[in-house]
Amino acid sequence: MKTLKFKTNINCGGCLAKISPFLNAEQTIKKWEVNTSVPEKVLTVESDDANPDKVISIVQKAGYKIEEIQ
């Protein structure tokens, strides 16, 4: 399993509720969480088939900004 990290603008419970259906629908994502207590609002994704471009596309489709943390 691979872990990917992204800087986002997902910053509250309402944002989490909005993004949840998008991330939960992606079969390759096994687990995800957003740390809203840090300024970068870090989204951590665990996946067997980790594809950063796919995660970026999903989050952008939901209306949020995202960039991969190297």
PDB file of N, CA and C in Angstrom:
ATOM      1  N   MET A   1       0.855  -1.178   0.000  1.00  0.00           N
ATOM      2  CA  MET A   1       0.000   0.000   0.000  1.00  0.00           C
ATOM      3  C   MET A   1       0.897   1.236   0.000  1.00  0.00           C
ATOM      4  N   LYS A   2       0.522   2.207  -0.829  1.00  0.00           N
ATOM      5  CA  LYS A   2       1.270   3.458  -0.917  1.00  0.00           C
ATOM      6  C   LYS A   2       0.481   4.579  -0.248  1.00  0.00           C
ATOM      7  N   THR A   3       1.216   5.551   0.271  1.00  0.00           N
ATOM      8  CA  THR A   3       0.595   6.714   0.893  1.00  0.00           C
ATOM      9  C   THR A   3       0.988   7.952   0.107  1.00  0.00           C
ATOM     10  N   LEU A   4      -0.022   8.738  -0.253  1.00  0.00           N
ATOM     11  CA  LEU A   4       0.187  10.004  -0.956  1.00  0.00           C
ATOM     12  C   LEU A   4      -0.272  11.135  -0.055  1.00  0.00           C
ATOM     13  N   LYS A   5       0.400  12.285  -0.156  1.00  0.00           N
ATOM     14  CA  LYS A   5       0.014  13.459   0.629  1.00  0.00           C
ATOM     15  C   LYS A   5      -0.157  14.649  -0.305  1.00  0.00           C
ATOM     16  N   PHE A   6      -1.189  15.450   0.004  1.00  0.00           N
ATOM     17  CA  PHE A   6      -1.527  16.595  -0.824  1.00  0.00           C
ATOM     18  C   PHE A   6      -1.843  17.803   0.044  1.00  0.00           C
ATOM     19  N   LYS A   7      -1.473  18.974  -0.422  1.00  0.00           N
ATOM     20  CA  LYS A   7      -1.865  20.240   0.196  1.00  0.00           C
ATOM     21  C   LYS A   7      -3.191  20.638  -0.450  1.00  0.00           C
ATOM     22  N   THR A   8      -4.198  20.982   0.381  1.00  0.00           N
ATOM     23  CA  THR A   8      -5.525  21.306  -0.150  1.00  0.00           C
ATOM     24  C   THR A   8      -6.084  22.564   0.516  1.00  0.00           C
ATOM     25  N   ASN A   9      -7.291  22.925   0.103  1.00  0.00           N
ATOM     26  CA  ASN A   9      -8.029  23.981   0.794  1.00  0.00           C
ATOM     27  C   ASN A   9      -9.323  23.419   1.394  1.00  0.00           C
ATOM     28  N   ILE A  10      -9.310  22.149   1.750  1.00  0.00           N
ATOM     29  CA  ILE A  10     -10.428  21.488   2.443  1.00  0.00           C
ATOM     30  C   ILE A  10     -10.263  21.822   3.924  1.00  0.00           C
ATOM     31  N   ASN A  11     -11.074  22.748   4.440  1.00  0.00           N
ATOM     32  CA  ASN A  11     -10.740  23.296   5.762  1.00  0.00           C
ATOM     33  C   ASN A  11     -11.805  23.196   6.849  1.00  0.00           C
ATOM     34  N   CYS A  12     -12.902  22.474   6.593  1.00  0.00           N
ATOM     35  CA  CYS A  12     -13.925  22.408   7.647  1.00  0.00           C
ATOM     36  C   CYS A  12     -14.772  21.151   7.478  1.00  0.00           C
ATOM     37  N   GLY A  13     -15.642  20.917   8.431  1.00  0.00           N
ATOM     38  CA  GLY A  13     -16.523  19.758   8.379  1.00  0.00           C
ATOM     39  C   GLY A  13     -17.433  19.754   7.165  1.00  0.00           C
ATOM     40  N   GLY A  14     -17.901  20.930   6.772  1.00  0.00           N
ATOM     41  CA  GLY A  14     -18.744  21.035   5.578  1.00  0.00           C
ATOM     42  C   GLY A  14     -17.985  20.639   4.326  1.00  0.00           C
ATOM     43  N   CYS A  15     -16.717  21.048   4.256  1.00  0.00           N
ATOM     44  CA  CYS A  15     -15.855  20.669   3.128  1.00  0.00           C
ATOM     45  C   CYS A  15     -15.648  19.159   3.107  1.00  0.00           C
ATOM     46  N   LEU A  16     -15.414  18.583   4.278  1.00  0.00           N
ATOM     47  CA  LEU A  16     -15.219  17.135   4.367  1.00  0.00           C
ATOM     48  C   LEU A  16     -16.476  16.389   3.914  1.00  0.00           C
ATOM     49  N   ALA A  17     -17.633  16.899   4.297  1.00  0.00           N
ATOM     50  CA  ALA A  17     -18.888  16.272   3.898  1.00  0.00           C
ATOM     51  C   ALA A  17     -19.072  16.349   2.383  1.00  0.00           C
ATOM     52  N   LYS A  18     -18.612  17.438   1.785  1.00  0.00           N
ATOM     53  CA  LYS A  18     -18.752  17.610   0.337  1.00  0.00           C
ATOM     54  C   LYS A  18     -17.787  16.713  -0.435  1.00  0.00           C
ATOM     55  N   ILE A  19     -16.579  16.555   0.058  1.00  0.00           N
ATOM     56  CA  ILE A  19     -15.565  15.778  -0.661  1.00  0.00           C
ATOM     57  C   ILE A  19     -15.716  14.273  -0.437  1.00  0.00           C
ATOM     58  N   SER A  20     -16.320  13.876   0.671  1.00  0.00           N
ATOM     59  CA  SER A  20     -16.428  12.452   1.027  1.00  0.00           C
ATOM     60  C   SER A  20     -17.005  11.570  -0.080  1.00  0.00           C
ATOM     61  N   PRO A  21     -18.138  11.913  -0.683  1.00  0.00           N
ATOM     62  CA  PRO A  21     -18.683  11.019  -1.718  1.00  0.00           C
ATOM     63  C   PRO A  21     -17.733  10.832  -2.901  1.00  0.00           C
ATOM     64  N   PHE A  22     -16.982  11.867  -3.230  1.00  0.00           N
ATOM     65  CA  PHE A  22     -16.051  11.781  -4.356  1.00  0.00           C
ATOM     66  C   PHE A  22     -14.910  10.810  -4.057  1.00  0.00           C
ATOM     67  N   LEU A  23     -14.280  10.963  -2.894  1.00  0.00           N
ATOM     68  CA  LEU A  23     -13.152  10.103  -2.534  1.00  0.00           C
ATOM     69  C   LEU A  23     -13.606   8.686  -2.195  1.00  0.00           C
ATOM     70  N   ASN A  24     -14.757   8.564  -1.545  1.00  0.00           N
ATOM     71  CA  ASN A  24     -15.266   7.241  -1.180  1.00  0.00           C
ATOM     72  C   ASN A  24     -15.670   6.421  -2.403  1.00  0.00           C
ATOM     73  N   ALA A  25     -16.037   7.079  -3.485  1.00  0.00           N
ATOM     74  CA  ALA A  25     -16.467   6.388  -4.705  1.00  0.00           C
ATOM     75  C   ALA A  25     -15.292   5.796  -5.479  1.00  0.00           C
ATOM     76  N   GLU A  26     -14.096   6.278  -5.228  1.00  0.00           N
ATOM     77  CA  GLU A  26     -12.916   5.782  -5.944  1.00  0.00           C
ATOM     78  C   GLU A  26     -12.473   4.452  -5.333  1.00  0.00           C
ATOM     79  N   GLN A  27     -12.596   3.384  -6.116  1.00  0.00           N
ATOM     80  CA  GLN A  27     -12.322   2.031  -5.630  1.00  0.00           C
ATOM     81  C   GLN A  27     -10.868   1.817  -5.216  1.00  0.00           C
ATOM     82  N   THR A  28      -9.925   2.526  -5.848  1.00  0.00           N
ATOM     83  CA  THR A  28      -8.509   2.293  -5.550  1.00  0.00           C
ATOM     84  C   THR A  28      -8.069   2.930  -4.235  1.00  0.00           C
ATOM     85  N   ILE A  29      -8.877   3.861  -3.697  1.00  0.00           N
ATOM     86  CA  ILE A  29      -8.541   4.513  -2.426  1.00  0.00           C
ATOM     87  C   ILE A  29      -9.055   3.654  -1.283  1.00  0.00           C
ATOM     88  N   LYS A  30      -8.136   3.194  -0.450  1.00  0.00           N
ATOM     89  CA  LYS A  30      -8.503   2.333   0.682  1.00  0.00           C
ATOM     90  C   LYS A  30      -8.850   3.153   1.921  1.00  0.00           C
ATOM     91  N   LYS A  31      -8.135   4.255   2.121  1.00  0.00           N
ATOM     92  CA  LYS A  31      -8.345   5.100   3.297  1.00  0.00           C
ATOM     93  C   LYS A  31      -7.881   6.510   2.956  1.00  0.00           C
ATOM     94  N   TRP A  32      -8.583   7.495   3.500  1.00  0.00           N
ATOM     95  CA  TRP A  32      -8.154   8.878   3.318  1.00  0.00           C
ATOM     96  C   TRP A  32      -8.559   9.694   4.528  1.00  0.00           C
ATOM     97  N   GLU A  33      -7.832  10.789   4.755  1.00  0.00           N
ATOM     98  CA  GLU A  33      -8.181  11.716   5.830  1.00  0.00           C
ATOM     99  C   GLU A  33      -7.570  13.073   5.519  1.00  0.00           C
ATOM    100  N   VAL A  34      -8.193  14.120   6.065  1.00  0.00           N
ATOM    101  CA  VAL A  34      -7.679  15.478   5.909  1.00  0.00           C
ATOM    102  C   VAL A  34      -7.363  16.019   7.294  1.00  0.00           C
ATOM    103  N   ASN A  35      -6.146  16.501   7.465  1.00  0.00           N
ATOM    104  CA  ASN A  35      -5.749  17.146   8.711  1.00  0.00           C
ATOM    105  C   ASN A  35      -6.043  18.634   8.566  1.00  0.00           C
ATOM    106  N   THR A  36      -7.193  19.060   9.107  1.00  0.00           N
ATOM    107  CA  THR A  36      -7.605  20.469   8.972  1.00  0.00           C
ATOM    108  C   THR A  36      -6.976  21.358  10.034  1.00  0.00           C
ATOM    109  N   SER A  37      -6.194  20.780  10.936  1.00  0.00           N
ATOM    110  CA  SER A  37      -5.584  21.580  12.011  1.00  0.00           C
ATOM    111  C   SER A  37      -4.241  22.186  11.610  1.00  0.00           C
ATOM    112  N   VAL A  38      -3.743  21.846  10.423  1.00  0.00           N
ATOM    113  CA  VAL A  38      -2.490  22.438   9.935  1.00  0.00           C
ATOM    114  C   VAL A  38      -2.802  23.380   8.781  1.00  0.00           C
ATOM    115  N   PRO A  39      -1.974  24.413   8.595  1.00  0.00           N
ATOM    116  CA  PRO A  39      -2.260  25.401   7.538  1.00  0.00           C
ATOM    117  C   PRO A  39      -2.354  24.806   6.133  1.00  0.00           C
ATOM    118  N   GLU A  40      -1.632  23.717   5.877  1.00  0.00           N
ATOM    119  CA  GLU A  40      -1.627  23.109   4.542  1.00  0.00           C
ATOM    120  C   GLU A  40      -2.856  22.249   4.267  1.00  0.00           C
ATOM    121  N   LYS A  41      -3.668  21.974   5.305  1.00  0.00           N
ATOM    122  CA  LYS A  41      -4.869  21.133   5.161  1.00  0.00           C
ATOM    123  C   LYS A  41      -4.518  19.848   4.402  1.00  0.00           C
ATOM    124  N   VAL A  42      -3.637  19.047   4.982  1.00  0.00           N
ATOM    125  CA  VAL A  42      -3.044  17.901   4.302  1.00  0.00           C
ATOM    126  C   VAL A  42      -4.034  16.740   4.152  1.00  0.00           C
ATOM    127  N   LEU A  43      -4.240  16.345   2.893  1.00  0.00           N
ATOM    128  CA  LEU A  43      -5.023  15.161   2.550  1.00  0.00           C
ATOM    129  C   LEU A  43      -4.049  13.998   2.418  1.00  0.00           C
ATOM    130  N   THR A  44      -4.268  12.950   3.202  1.00  0.00           N
ATOM    131  CA  THR A  44      -3.455  11.742   3.127  1.00  0.00           C
ATOM    132  C   THR A  44      -4.321  10.635   2.538  1.00  0.00           C
ATOM    133  N   VAL A  45      -3.812   9.999   1.497  1.00  0.00           N
ATOM    134  CA  VAL A  45      -4.549   8.948   0.797  1.00  0.00           C
ATOM    135  C   VAL A  45      -3.722   7.669   0.818  1.00  0.00           C
ATOM    136  N   GLU A  46      -4.341   6.564   1.223  1.00  0.00           N
ATOM    137  CA  GLU A  46      -3.695   5.256   1.164  1.00  0.00           C
ATOM    138  C   GLU A  46      -4.374   4.458   0.059  1.00  0.00           C
ATOM    139  N   SER A  47      -3.550   3.900  -0.828  1.00  0.00           N
ATOM    140  CA  SER A  47      -4.078   3.215  -1.997  1.00  0.00           C
ATOM    141  C   SER A  47      -3.121   2.119  -2.450  1.00  0.00           C
ATOM    142  N   ASP A  48      -3.677   1.022  -2.972  1.00  0.00           N
ATOM    143  CA  ASP A  48      -2.848  -0.021  -3.563  1.00  0.00           C
ATOM    144  C   ASP A  48      -2.322   0.435  -4.916  1.00  0.00           C
ATOM    145  N   ASP A  49      -3.142   1.158  -5.629  1.00  0.00           N
ATOM    146  CA  ASP A  49      -2.797   1.640  -6.965  1.00  0.00           C
ATOM    147  C   ASP A  49      -2.710   3.164  -6.899  1.00  0.00           C
ATOM    148  N   ALA A  50      -1.696   3.665  -6.194  1.00  0.00           N
ATOM    149  CA  ALA A  50      -1.575   5.099  -5.921  1.00  0.00           C
ATOM    150  C   ALA A  50      -1.297   5.877  -7.206  1.00  0.00           C
ATOM    151  N   ASN A  51      -2.255   6.692  -7.603  1.00  0.00           N
ATOM    152  CA  ASN A  51      -2.106   7.525  -8.783  1.00  0.00           C
ATOM    153  C   ASN A  51      -2.409   8.969  -8.383  1.00  0.00           C
ATOM    154  N   PRO A  52      -1.373   9.783  -8.169  1.00  0.00           N
ATOM    155  CA  PRO A  52      -1.604  11.158  -7.705  1.00  0.00           C
ATOM    156  C   PRO A  52      -2.484  11.974  -8.645  1.00  0.00           C
ATOM    157  N   ASP A  53      -2.336  11.760  -9.958  1.00  0.00           N
ATOM    158  CA  ASP A  53      -3.142  12.519 -10.923  1.00  0.00           C
ATOM    159  C   ASP A  53      -4.630  12.219 -10.773  1.00  0.00           C
ATOM    160  N   LYS A  54      -4.945  10.964 -10.465  1.00  0.00           N
ATOM    161  CA  LYS A  54      -6.353  10.573 -10.279  1.00  0.00           C
ATOM    162  C   LYS A  54      -6.937  11.265  -9.044  1.00  0.00           C
ATOM    163  N   VAL A  55      -6.176  11.284  -7.947  1.00  0.00           N
ATOM    164  CA  VAL A  55      -6.641  11.938  -6.718  1.00  0.00           C
ATOM    165  C   VAL A  55      -6.824  13.440  -6.961  1.00  0.00           C
ATOM    166  N   ILE A  56      -5.875  14.050  -7.637  1.00  0.00           N
ATOM    167  CA  ILE A  56      -5.955  15.487  -7.950  1.00  0.00           C
ATOM    168  C   ILE A  56      -7.206  15.771  -8.767  1.00  0.00           C
ATOM    169  N   SER A  57      -7.470  14.950  -9.767  1.00  0.00           N
ATOM    170  CA  SER A  57      -8.657  15.125 -10.606  1.00  0.00           C
ATOM    171  C   SER A  57      -9.948  15.015  -9.793  1.00  0.00           C
ATOM    172  N   ILE A  58     -10.019  14.035  -8.896  1.00  0.00           N
ATOM    173  CA  ILE A  58     -11.215  13.829  -8.066  1.00  0.00           C
ATOM    174  C   ILE A  58     -11.472  15.060  -7.192  1.00  0.00           C
ATOM    175  N   VAL A  59     -10.427  15.549  -6.530  1.00  0.00           N
ATOM    176  CA  VAL A  59     -10.585  16.686  -5.615  1.00  0.00           C
ATOM    177  C   VAL A  59     -10.940  17.957  -6.392  1.00  0.00           C
ATOM    178  N   GLN A  60     -10.330  18.159  -7.541  1.00  0.00           N
ATOM    179  CA  GLN A  60     -10.652  19.332  -8.357  1.00  0.00           C
ATOM    180  C   GLN A  60     -12.090  19.261  -8.867  1.00  0.00           C
ATOM    181  N   LYS A  61     -12.548  18.069  -9.216  1.00  0.00           N
ATOM    182  CA  LYS A  61     -13.926  17.886  -9.682  1.00  0.00           C
ATOM    183  C   LYS A  61     -14.920  18.277  -8.582  1.00  0.00           C
ATOM    184  N   ALA A  62     -14.529  18.060  -7.322  1.00  0.00           N
ATOM    185  CA  ALA A  62     -15.377  18.420  -6.186  1.00  0.00           C
ATOM    186  C   ALA A  62     -15.310  19.920  -5.888  1.00  0.00           C
ATOM    187  N   GLY A  63     -14.385  20.631  -6.551  1.00  0.00           N
ATOM    188  CA  GLY A  63     -14.332  22.080  -6.408  1.00  0.00           C
ATOM    189  C   GLY A  63     -13.256  22.597  -5.466  1.00  0.00           C
ATOM    190  N   TYR A  64     -12.269  21.769  -5.170  1.00  0.00           N
ATOM    191  CA  TYR A  64     -11.208  22.190  -4.229  1.00  0.00           C
ATOM    192  C   TYR A  64      -9.858  22.258  -4.921  1.00  0.00           C
ATOM    193  N   LYS A  65      -8.973  23.061  -4.335  1.00  0.00           N
ATOM    194  CA  LYS A  65      -7.599  23.178  -4.805  1.00  0.00           C
ATOM    195  C   LYS A  65      -6.779  22.062  -4.168  1.00  0.00           C
ATOM    196  N   ILE A  66      -5.807  21.564  -4.932  1.00  0.00           N
ATOM    197  CA  ILE A  66      -4.979  20.471  -4.421  1.00  0.00           C
ATOM    198  C   ILE A  66      -3.645  20.474  -5.160  1.00  0.00           C
ATOM    199  N   GLU A  67      -2.583  20.167  -4.421  1.00  0.00           N
ATOM    200  CA  GLU A  67      -1.278  19.952  -5.052  1.00  0.00           C
ATOM    201  C   GLU A  67      -0.531  18.900  -4.265  1.00  0.00           C
ATOM    202  N   GLU A  68       0.183  18.048  -4.992  1.00  0.00           N
ATOM    203  CA  GLU A  68       0.896  16.951  -4.343  1.00  0.00           C
ATOM    204  C   GLU A  68       2.082  17.493  -3.542  1.00  0.00           C
ATOM    205  N   ILE A  69       2.286  16.899  -2.368  1.00  0.00           N
ATOM    206  CA  ILE A  69       3.456  17.200  -1.537  1.00  0.00           C
ATOM    207  C   ILE A  69       4.491  16.136  -1.858  1.00  0.00           C
ATOM    208  N   GLN A  70       5.654  16.554  -2.313  1.00  0.00           N
ATOM    209  CA  GLN A  70       6.704  15.593  -2.718  1.00  0.00           C
ATOM    210  C   GLN A  70       7.443  15.042  -1.532  1.00  0.00           C
TER     211      GLN A  70
END
